[in-house]
């Protein structure tokens, strides 16, 4: 329950170490020991790995023949990141999941973007299933797909 609270509420891991949080947990669950930050981080890491395996299985399934992805790249505090998402075209219901949010070192030139996107698509076993990649039409993305 605490893990979901932290993840879904986008709270910092350190919230479990705050005195008021410990007090609240003790009032609601007096016989339970409060979760430590280390245990919380371990649980989140384990859940993340399980979800990634599940997602890979879905994407690598034989029924899924085509994947359309979106890719974007942005800079914050002189650090660049790339995000990739997929959309399942099999059902009318739209499905999506964030495949990656990776740190890019240096400038995000076309060759760097192409290499990162290729590694992400290979990691999830969809390199031969990609039918389209939607981007912001920046020149670096255009060159990356040539």
Protein backbone atom coordinates (compact mmCIF):
# COMPACT_ATOMS: atom_id res chain seq x y z
CA UNK A 1 0.00 0.00 0.00
CA UNK A 2 2.83 2.42 0.85
CA UNK A 3 4.67 1.49 -2.34
CA UNK A 4 1.59 2.33 -4.43
CA UNK A 5 1.14 5.57 -2.47
CA UNK A 6 4.70 6.67 -3.25
CA UNK A 7 4.69 5.60 -6.91
CA UNK A 8 1.19 6.72 -7.90
CA UNK A 9 1.46 9.94 -5.90
CA UNK A 10 4.90 10.67 -7.37
CA UNK A 11 6.29 11.15 -3.85
CA UNK A 12 9.96 11.08 -2.95
CA UNK A 13 11.32 7.89 -1.42
CA UNK A 14 12.37 9.85 1.65
CA UNK A 15 8.74 10.45 2.63
CA UNK A 16 8.81 7.18 4.60
CA UNK A 17 11.54 8.66 6.80
CA UNK A 18 9.61 11.81 7.71
CA UNK A 19 8.43 11.98 11.32
CA UNK A 20 4.85 12.99 10.44
CA UNK A 21 4.57 10.10 7.97
CA UNK A 22 5.85 7.65 10.59
CA UNK A 23 3.40 9.12 13.09
CA UNK A 24 0.50 8.75 10.63
CA UNK A 25 1.45 5.15 9.86
CA UNK A 26 1.78 4.36 13.58
CA UNK A 27 -1.68 5.82 14.27
CA UNK A 28 -3.29 3.82 11.46
CA UNK A 29 -1.29 0.61 11.88
CA UNK A 30 0.11 0.55 15.45
CA UNK A 31 1.30 -3.07 15.29
CA UNK A 32 3.16 -2.67 11.98
CA UNK A 33 6.76 -1.55 11.56
CA UNK A 34 7.28 1.46 9.27
CA UNK A 35 8.86 0.80 5.87
CA UNK A 36 12.45 2.02 5.36
CA UNK A 37 13.60 3.93 2.30
CA UNK A 38 15.96 1.09 1.34
CA UNK A 39 13.15 -1.49 1.46
CA UNK A 40 10.82 0.83 -0.48
CA UNK A 41 13.41 1.37 -3.22
CA UNK A 42 14.05 -2.37 -3.42
CA UNK A 43 10.33 -3.11 -3.78
CA UNK A 44 9.90 -0.48 -6.48
CA UNK A 45 12.92 -1.84 -8.35
CA UNK A 46 11.54 -5.41 -8.19
CA UNK A 47 8.08 -4.31 -9.37
CA UNK A 48 9.69 -2.32 -12.18
CA UNK A 49 11.64 -5.38 -13.38
CA UNK A 50 8.50 -7.55 -13.27
CA UNK A 51 6.54 -4.98 -15.29
CA UNK A 52 9.34 -4.72 -17.84
CA UNK A 53 9.36 -8.51 -18.34
CA UNK A 54 5.56 -8.48 -18.73
CA UNK A 55 5.76 -5.66 -21.27
CA UNK A 56 8.48 -7.43 -23.27
CA UNK A 57 6.31 -10.55 -23.43
CA UNK A 58 3.36 -8.52 -24.73
CA UNK A 59 5.47 -6.77 -27.36
CA UNK A 60 7.23 -9.96 -28.48
CA UNK A 61 3.97 -11.89 -28.88
CA UNK A 62 3.32 -13.44 -32.29
CA UNK A 63 -0.08 -11.72 -32.52
CA UNK A 64 1.51 -8.29 -32.39
CA UNK A 65 2.79 -7.68 -35.90
CA UNK A 66 3.17 -3.90 -36.02
CA UNK A 67 4.17 -1.27 -33.49
CA UNK A 68 3.94 2.47 -33.88
CA UNK A 69 6.21 4.40 -31.56
CA UNK A 70 6.62 8.01 -30.55
CA UNK A 71 9.99 9.47 -29.72
CA UNK A 72 10.99 12.78 -28.25
CA UNK A 73 14.16 14.28 -26.91
CA UNK A 74 14.49 17.15 -24.49
CA UNK A 75 17.06 18.91 -22.34
CA UNK A 76 16.75 19.91 -18.71
CA UNK A 77 19.61 21.55 -16.80
CA UNK A 78 22.01 20.73 -19.65
CA UNK A 79 21.08 17.02 -19.45
CA UNK A 80 19.30 15.42 -22.40
CA UNK A 81 16.79 12.57 -22.27
CA UNK A 82 14.84 10.52 -24.80
CA UNK A 83 11.40 8.97 -24.24
CA UNK A 84 9.83 6.20 -26.36
CA UNK A 85 6.27 4.89 -26.23
CA UNK A 86 4.36 2.21 -28.17
CA UNK A 87 0.77 1.90 -29.31
CA UNK A 88 -0.92 -1.48 -29.86
CA UNK A 89 -2.80 -1.46 -33.21
CA UNK A 90 -4.40 -4.91 -32.81
CA UNK A 91 -7.44 -3.88 -30.80
CA UNK A 92 -9.51 -0.74 -31.10
CA UNK A 93 -8.54 0.02 -27.52
CA UNK A 94 -5.40 2.11 -27.50
CA UNK A 95 -2.61 0.80 -25.28
CA UNK A 96 0.64 2.47 -24.49
CA UNK A 97 3.62 2.12 -22.22
CA UNK A 98 6.77 4.10 -21.74
CA UNK A 99 9.60 1.95 -23.04
CA UNK A 100 12.50 4.15 -22.07
CA UNK A 101 13.57 7.41 -20.59
CA UNK A 102 17.31 7.37 -21.02
CA UNK A 103 19.97 9.93 -20.36
CA UNK A 104 21.78 11.04 -23.50
CA UNK A 105 25.34 12.23 -22.99
CA UNK A 106 26.54 15.06 -25.17
CA UNK A 107 24.53 16.55 -28.01
CA UNK A 108 21.50 14.69 -29.32
CA UNK A 109 22.63 14.42 -32.91
CA UNK A 110 21.03 12.10 -35.47
CA UNK A 111 23.62 9.33 -34.99
CA UNK A 112 23.18 9.34 -31.20
CA UNK A 113 19.38 9.25 -31.56
CA UNK A 114 19.50 6.44 -34.13
CA UNK A 115 21.78 4.34 -31.93
CA UNK A 116 19.62 4.81 -28.81
CA UNK A 117 16.33 4.14 -30.62
CA UNK A 118 17.80 1.02 -32.25
CA UNK A 119 18.99 -0.31 -28.88
CA UNK A 120 15.59 0.34 -27.28
CA UNK A 121 13.72 -1.38 -30.11
CA UNK A 122 16.12 -4.35 -29.96
CA UNK A 123 15.83 -4.57 -26.17
CA UNK A 124 12.05 -4.98 -26.45
CA UNK A 125 12.23 -7.29 -29.47
CA UNK A 126 10.29 -4.95 -31.75
CA UNK A 127 13.00 -3.88 -34.21
CA UNK A 128 11.22 -5.76 -37.04
CA UNK A 129 7.74 -4.72 -35.88
CA UNK A 130 8.20 -0.95 -36.04
CA UNK A 131 5.94 0.41 -38.76
CA UNK A 132 6.14 4.12 -37.90
CA UNK A 133 7.89 6.39 -35.43
CA UNK A 134 6.24 9.72 -34.72
CA UNK A 135 8.63 12.51 -33.75
CA UNK A 136 8.66 16.29 -33.50
CA UNK A 137 10.05 16.53 -37.07
CA UNK A 138 13.36 17.94 -35.87
CA UNK A 139 16.21 17.66 -38.36
CA UNK A 140 18.12 15.32 -36.02
CA UNK A 141 15.19 12.84 -36.04
CA UNK A 142 14.74 13.11 -39.81
CA UNK A 143 18.41 12.27 -40.35
CA UNK A 144 18.26 9.47 -37.77
CA UNK A 145 15.63 7.62 -39.80
CA UNK A 146 17.40 8.00 -43.13
